[in-house]
C-alpha atoms as a PDB file:
ATOM      1  CA  UNK A   1     164.964  81.591  39.974  1.00  0.00           C
ATOM      2  CA  UNK A   2     167.790  80.857  42.394  1.00  0.00           C
ATOM      3  CA  UNK A   3     169.652  77.751  41.401  1.00  0.00           C
ATOM      4  CA  UNK A   4     167.829  77.575  38.053  1.00  0.00           C
ATOM      5  CA  UNK A   5     169.017  78.514  34.595  1.00  0.00           C
ATOM      6  CA  UNK A   6     169.693  82.180  33.965  1.00  0.00           C
ATOM      7  CA  UNK A   7     167.084  83.789  31.732  1.00  0.00           C
ATOM      8  CA  UNK A   8     168.540  86.374  29.369  1.00  0.00           C
ATOM      9  CA  UNK A   9     165.920  88.784  28.063  1.00  0.00           C
ATOM     10  CA  UNK A  10     165.990  91.318  25.273  1.00  0.00           C
ATOM     11  CA  UNK A  11     165.039  94.926  26.147  1.00  0.00           C
ATOM     12  CA  UNK A  12     161.516  94.669  24.677  1.00  0.00           C
ATOM     13  CA  UNK A  13     160.896  91.579  26.849  1.00  0.00           C
ATOM     14  CA  UNK A  14     162.127  93.406  29.949  1.00  0.00           C
ATOM     15  CA  UNK A  15     159.868  96.326  29.025  1.00  0.00           C
ATOM     16  CA  UNK A  16     156.870  94.005  28.640  1.00  0.00           C
ATOM     17  CA  UNK A  17     157.497  92.610  32.121  1.00  0.00           C
ATOM     18  CA  UNK A  18     157.850  96.111  33.578  1.00  0.00           C
ATOM     19  CA  UNK A  19     155.027  97.893  31.837  1.00  0.00           C
ATOM     20  CA  UNK A  20     153.110  95.663  29.432  1.00  0.00           C
ATOM     21  CA  UNK A  21     152.399  96.043  25.733  1.00  0.00           C
ATOM     22  CA  UNK A  22     152.883  99.786  25.408  1.00  0.00           C
ATOM     23  CA  UNK A  23     156.281  99.635  27.135  1.00  0.00           C
ATOM     24  CA  UNK A  24     157.448  96.804  24.845  1.00  0.00           C
ATOM     25  CA  UNK A  25     156.314  98.605  21.694  1.00  0.00           C
ATOM     26  CA  UNK A  26     157.958 101.815  22.914  1.00  0.00           C
ATOM     27  CA  UNK A  27     161.287  99.993  23.228  1.00  0.00           C
ATOM     28  CA  UNK A  28     160.823  98.537  19.720  1.00  0.00           C
ATOM     29  CA  UNK A  29     160.155 102.032  18.312  1.00  0.00           C
ATOM     30  CA  UNK A  30     163.218 103.452  20.089  1.00  0.00           C
ATOM     31  CA  UNK A  31     165.344 100.537  18.796  1.00  0.00           C
ATOM     32  CA  UNK A  32     164.248 101.335  15.239  1.00  0.00           C
ATOM     33  CA  UNK A  33     164.923 105.041  15.809  1.00  0.00           C
ATOM     34  CA  UNK A  34     168.451 104.333  17.061  1.00  0.00           C
ATOM     35  CA  UNK A  35     169.053 102.276  13.886  1.00  0.00           C
ATOM     36  CA  UNK A  36     167.768 105.157  11.736  1.00  0.00           C
ATOM     37  CA  UNK A  37     164.794 103.121  10.498  1.00  0.00           C
ATOM     38  CA  UNK A  38     161.937 105.265  11.841  1.00  0.00           C
ATOM     39  CA  UNK A  39     161.440 108.993  12.150  1.00  0.00           C
ATOM     40  CA  UNK A  40     158.865 111.408  13.457  1.00  0.00           C
ATOM     41  CA  UNK A  41     156.359 112.009  10.675  1.00  0.00           C
ATOM     42  CA  UNK A  42     154.259 114.706  12.276  1.00  0.00           C
ATOM     43  CA  UNK A  43     153.949 115.505  15.982  1.00  0.00           C
ATOM     44  CA  UNK A  44     152.899 112.382  17.846  1.00  0.00           C
ATOM     45  CA  UNK A  45     153.388 109.963  14.962  1.00  0.00           C
ATOM     46  CA  UNK A  46     156.236 107.916  13.508  1.00  0.00           C
ATOM     47  CA  UNK A  47     156.800 106.088  10.232  1.00  0.00           C
ATOM     48  CA  UNK A  48     159.582 104.193   8.532  1.00  0.00           C
ATOM     49  CA  UNK A  49     162.384 106.347   7.212  1.00  0.00           C
ATOM     50  CA  UNK A  50     163.019 104.290   4.090  1.00  0.00           C
ATOM     51  CA  UNK A  51     166.307 103.070   5.534  1.00  0.00           C
ATOM     52  CA  UNK A  52     166.541  99.315   6.123  1.00  0.00           C
ATOM     53  CA  UNK A  53     169.563  98.435   8.233  1.00  0.00           C
ATOM     54  CA  UNK A  54     169.055  94.677   8.299  1.00  0.00           C
ATOM     55  CA  UNK A  55     165.505  93.869   9.365  1.00  0.00           C
ATOM     56  CA  UNK A  56     166.350  90.151   9.230  1.00  0.00           C
ATOM     57  CA  UNK A  57     168.218  90.323  12.536  1.00  0.00           C
ATOM     58  CA  UNK A  58     165.499  92.111  14.495  1.00  0.00           C
ATOM     59  CA  UNK A  59     163.310  90.486  17.168  1.00  0.00           C
ATOM     60  CA  UNK A  60     159.784  89.557  16.033  1.00  0.00           C
ATOM     61  CA  UNK A  61     158.108  92.484  17.809  1.00  0.00           C
ATOM     62  CA  UNK A  62     160.548  95.012  16.358  1.00  0.00           C
ATOM     63  CA  UNK A  63     160.020  93.577  12.855  1.00  0.00           C
ATOM     64  CA  UNK A  64     156.261  93.802  13.335  1.00  0.00           C
ATOM     65  CA  UNK A  65     156.509  97.427  14.476  1.00  0.00           C
ATOM     66  CA  UNK A  66     158.724  98.277  11.498  1.00  0.00           C
ATOM     67  CA  UNK A  67     156.265  96.629   9.095  1.00  0.00           C
ATOM     68  CA  UNK A  68     153.311  98.377  10.732  1.00  0.00           C
ATOM     69  CA  UNK A  69     154.929 101.774  10.286  1.00  0.00           C
ATOM     70  CA  UNK A  70     154.757 101.770   6.492  1.00  0.00           C
ATOM     71  CA  UNK A  71     151.936 104.205   7.284  1.00  0.00           C
ATOM     72  CA  UNK A  72     152.401 106.807   9.997  1.00  0.00           C
ATOM     73  CA  UNK A  73     150.942 105.954  13.387  1.00  0.00           C
ATOM     74  CA  UNK A  74     150.807 107.176  16.939  1.00  0.00           C
ATOM     75  CA  UNK A  75     151.290 104.719  19.778  1.00  0.00           C
ATOM     76  CA  UNK A  76     147.602 103.999  20.270  1.00  0.00           C
ATOM     77  CA  UNK A  77     147.110 103.054  16.636  1.00  0.00           C
ATOM     78  CA  UNK A  78     150.389 101.160  16.454  1.00  0.00           C
ATOM     79  CA  UNK A  79     149.308  98.998  19.388  1.00  0.00           C
ATOM     80  CA  UNK A  80     146.101  98.199  17.492  1.00  0.00           C
ATOM     81  CA  UNK A  81     147.731  97.121  14.247  1.00  0.00           C
ATOM     82  CA  UNK A  82     147.281  93.426  13.603  1.00  0.00           C
ATOM     83  CA  UNK A  83     150.907  92.333  13.152  1.00  0.00           C
ATOM     84  CA  UNK A  84     151.958  94.183  16.293  1.00  0.00           C
ATOM     85  CA  UNK A  85     149.133  92.580  18.288  1.00  0.00           C
ATOM     86  CA  UNK A  86     150.137  89.136  17.032  1.00  0.00           C
ATOM     87  CA  UNK A  87     153.794  89.727  17.939  1.00  0.00           C
ATOM     88  CA  UNK A  88     152.757  90.932  21.405  1.00  0.00           C
ATOM     89  CA  UNK A  89     150.656  87.793  21.840  1.00  0.00           C
ATOM     90  CA  UNK A  90     153.626  85.617  20.909  1.00  0.00           C
ATOM     91  CA  UNK A  91     155.873  87.595  23.269  1.00  0.00           C
ATOM     92  CA  UNK A  92     153.390  87.158  26.089  1.00  0.00           C
ATOM     93  CA  UNK A  93     153.210  83.424  25.363  1.00  0.00           C
ATOM     94  CA  UNK A  94     157.005  83.156  25.445  1.00  0.00           C
ATOM     95  CA  UNK A  95     157.149  84.909  28.821  1.00  0.00           C
ATOM     96  CA  UNK A  96     154.425  82.626  30.189  1.00  0.00           C
ATOM     97  CA  UNK A  97     156.348  79.586  28.887  1.00  0.00           C
ATOM     98  CA  UNK A  98     159.526  80.550  30.781  1.00  0.00           C
ATOM     99  CA  UNK A  99     157.581  81.258  33.976  1.00  0.00           C
ATOM    100  CA  UNK A 100     157.812  85.051  34.076  1.00  0.00           C
ATOM    101  CA  UNK A 101     154.117  85.756  33.498  1.00  0.00           C
ATOM    102  CA  UNK A 102     150.966  84.062  34.692  1.00  0.00           C
ATOM    103  CA  UNK A 103     148.315  83.522  32.087  1.00  0.00           C
ATOM    104  CA  UNK A 104     145.372  84.023  34.475  1.00  0.00           C
ATOM    105  CA  UNK A 105     145.300  86.495  36.066  1.00  0.00           C
ATOM    106  CA  UNK A 106     147.738  88.189  33.678  1.00  0.00           C
ATOM    107  CA  UNK A 107     150.555  89.418  35.875  1.00  0.00           C
ATOM    108  CA  UNK A 108     154.229  88.986  36.629  1.00  0.00           C
ATOM    109  CA  UNK A 109     155.403  85.999  38.616  1.00  0.00           C
ATOM    110  CA  UNK A 110     157.666  86.235  41.620  1.00  0.00           C
ATOM    111  CA  UNK A 111     160.554  85.176  39.364  1.00  0.00           C
ATOM    112  CA  UNK A 112     159.861  88.168  37.076  1.00  0.00           C
ATOM    113  CA  UNK A 113     159.778  90.595  39.994  1.00  0.00           C
ATOM    114  CA  UNK A 114     163.100  89.214  41.277  1.00  0.00           C
ATOM    115  CA  UNK A 115     164.588  89.423  37.774  1.00  0.00           C
ATOM    116  CA  UNK A 116     163.511  93.063  37.301  1.00  0.00           C
ATOM    117  CA  UNK A 117     164.901  93.999  40.717  1.00  0.00           C
ATOM    118  CA  UNK A 118     168.188  92.287  39.881  1.00  0.00           C
ATOM    119  CA  UNK A 119     168.432  94.001  36.488  1.00  0.00           C
ATOM    120  CA  UNK A 120     167.834  97.407  38.085  1.00  0.00           C
ATOM    121  CA  UNK A 121     170.574  96.710  40.631  1.00  0.00           C
ATOM    122  CA  UNK A 122     172.995  95.644  37.873  1.00  0.00           C
ATOM    123  CA  UNK A 123     172.051  98.482  35.492  1.00  0.00           C
ATOM    124  CA  UNK A 124     171.363 101.713  37.389  1.00  0.00           C
ATOM    125  CA  UNK A 125     169.776 104.608  35.557  1.00  0.00           C
ATOM    126  CA  UNK A 126     172.457 106.392  33.463  1.00  0.00           C
ATOM    127  CA  UNK A 127     173.378 109.935  34.459  1.00  0.00           C
ATOM    128  CA  UNK A 128     173.051 111.155  30.865  1.00  0.00           C
ATOM    129  CA  UNK A 129     173.332 110.144  27.203  1.00  0.00           C
ATOM    130  CA  UNK A 130     177.062 110.786  26.808  1.00  0.00           C
ATOM    131  CA  UNK A 131     178.993 107.522  26.528  1.00  0.00           C
ATOM    132  CA  UNK A 132     175.855 105.359  26.712  1.00  0.00           C
ATOM    133  CA  UNK A 133     175.638 102.724  23.960  1.00  0.00           C
ATOM    134  CA  UNK A 134     172.432 102.099  21.991  1.00  0.00           C
ATOM    135  CA  UNK A 135     172.028  98.742  23.767  1.00  0.00           C
ATOM    136  CA  UNK A 136     172.295 100.478  27.141  1.00  0.00           C
ATOM    137  CA  UNK A 137     169.771 103.126  26.052  1.00  0.00           C
ATOM    138  CA  UNK A 138     167.288 100.382  25.168  1.00  0.00           C
ATOM    139  CA  UNK A 139     167.819  98.545  28.450  1.00  0.00           C
ATOM    140  CA  UNK A 140     167.472 101.783  30.446  1.00  0.00           C
ATOM    141  CA  UNK A 141     164.206 102.624  28.657  1.00  0.00           C
ATOM    142  CA  UNK A 142     163.020  99.043  29.227  1.00  0.00           C
ATOM    143  CA  UNK A 143     163.816  99.163  32.949  1.00  0.00           C
ATOM    144  CA  UNK A 144     162.888 102.741  33.804  1.00  0.00           C
ATOM    145  CA  UNK A 145     160.364 103.843  31.166  1.00  0.00           C
ATOM    146  CA  UNK A 146     159.387 107.448  30.516  1.00  0.00           C
ATOM    147  CA  UNK A 147     162.019 108.905  32.831  1.00  0.00           C
ATOM    148  CA  UNK A 148     164.793 107.479  30.648  1.00  0.00           C
ATOM    149  CA  UNK A 149     162.986 108.240  27.389  1.00  0.00           C
ATOM    150  CA  UNK A 150     162.923 111.892  28.365  1.00  0.00           C
ATOM    151  CA  UNK A 151     166.557 111.809  29.420  1.00  0.00           C
ATOM    152  CA  UNK A 152     168.225 109.644  26.750  1.00  0.00           C
ATOM    153  CA  UNK A 153     166.232 110.352  23.556  1.00  0.00           C
ATOM    154  CA  UNK A 154     164.292 113.496  24.486  1.00  0.00           C
ATOM    155  CA  UNK A 155     163.637 115.081  21.074  1.00  0.00           C
ATOM    156  CA  UNK A 156     162.568 111.839  19.444  1.00  0.00           C
ATOM    157  CA  UNK A 157     160.471 110.748  22.439  1.00  0.00           C
ATOM    158  CA  UNK A 158     158.613 114.068  22.547  1.00  0.00           C
ATOM    159  CA  UNK A 159     158.176 114.368  18.781  1.00  0.00           C
ATOM    160  CA  UNK A 160     157.025 110.751  18.414  1.00  0.00           C
ATOM    161  CA  UNK A 161     154.471 111.134  21.197  1.00  0.00           C
ATOM    162  CA  UNK A 162     156.178 108.605  23.453  1.00  0.00           C
ATOM    163  CA  UNK A 163     156.222 111.133  26.310  1.00  0.00           C
ATOM    164  CA  UNK A 164     154.447 114.402  26.966  1.00  0.00           C
ATOM    165  CA  UNK A 165     151.309 115.259  25.017  1.00  0.00           C
ATOM    166  CA  UNK A 166     151.599 112.221  22.724  1.00  0.00           C
ATOM    167  CA  UNK A 167     148.403 110.746  24.105  1.00  0.00           C
ATOM    168  CA  UNK A 168     146.449 112.757  21.545  1.00  0.00           C
ATOM    169  CA  UNK A 169     148.654 111.793  18.605  1.00  0.00           C
ATOM    170  CA  UNK A 170     146.033 109.675  16.844  1.00  0.00           C
ATOM    171  CA  UNK A 171     143.358 112.368  17.009  1.00  0.00           C
ATOM    172  CA  UNK A 172     142.606 113.927  13.651  1.00  0.00           C
ATOM    173  CA  UNK A 173     144.323 111.355  11.437  1.00  0.00           C
ATOM    174  CA  UNK A 174     142.406 110.323   8.312  1.00  0.00           C
ATOM    175  CA  UNK A 175     139.794 107.574   8.792  1.00  0.00           C
ATOM    176  CA  UNK A 176     141.493 104.231   9.353  1.00  0.00           C
ATOM    177  CA  UNK A 177     144.745 105.834  10.543  1.00  0.00           C
ATOM    178  CA  UNK A 178     143.859 106.546  14.145  1.00  0.00           C
ATOM    179  CA  UNK A 179     141.988 105.304  17.146  1.00  0.00           C
ATOM    180  CA  UNK A 180     142.904 101.653  16.770  1.00  0.00           C
ATOM    181  CA  UNK A 181     140.642  99.243  18.569  1.00  0.00           C
ATOM    182  CA  UNK A 182     143.364  97.887  20.810  1.00  0.00           C
ATOM    183  CA  UNK A 183     144.739  94.453  20.218  1.00  0.00           C
ATOM    184  CA  UNK A 184     147.654  94.966  22.572  1.00  0.00           C
ATOM    185  CA  UNK A 185     147.961  92.966  25.750  1.00  0.00           C
ATOM    186  CA  UNK A 186     148.556  94.368  29.182  1.00  0.00           C
ATOM    187  CA  UNK A 187     150.590  93.038  32.003  1.00  0.00           C
ATOM    188  CA  UNK A 188     149.318  93.902  35.441  1.00  0.00           C
ATOM    189  CA  UNK A 189     151.784  94.997  38.057  1.00  0.00           C
ATOM    190  CA  UNK A 190     152.508  92.112  40.333  1.00  0.00           C
END
């Protein structure tokens, strides 16, 4: 990347590079939460709140997540919903096109590892939520994952099943609402 054009990524793209599909969708869910567009429905699940704060300006993945949450879902099911899987595929393709992911085997390139290291150096983990903008919350969650979820949006992250016992969120939902078959893509650590 040295000497080349600077690549400016959105938080969900940074999250995809750091942790794959689940990390990217988590950032999209948190972005919608910070805008007031999703809420915890029951423990471990989220759904749209009925508030639409301008979906036209959202990134494709965030729009897909918002659309997919017309019915409540936990993370596992959300990752398996068709529109979300398609948006993740497009995101992956975009990151391959700019040289940050290899198609086969699916993992980060050296340029992506350098970029993530640089972003972490430029944006250290915040000490707490006070005075941290929504954009900075999203970038912190994208760069540092669960640690920042639990620190910056703890009640929402726990209630939505993004941290803690949320791994069982899809259990017991009515037929067709849980246990999605996948459809998300993963990004191996490089």
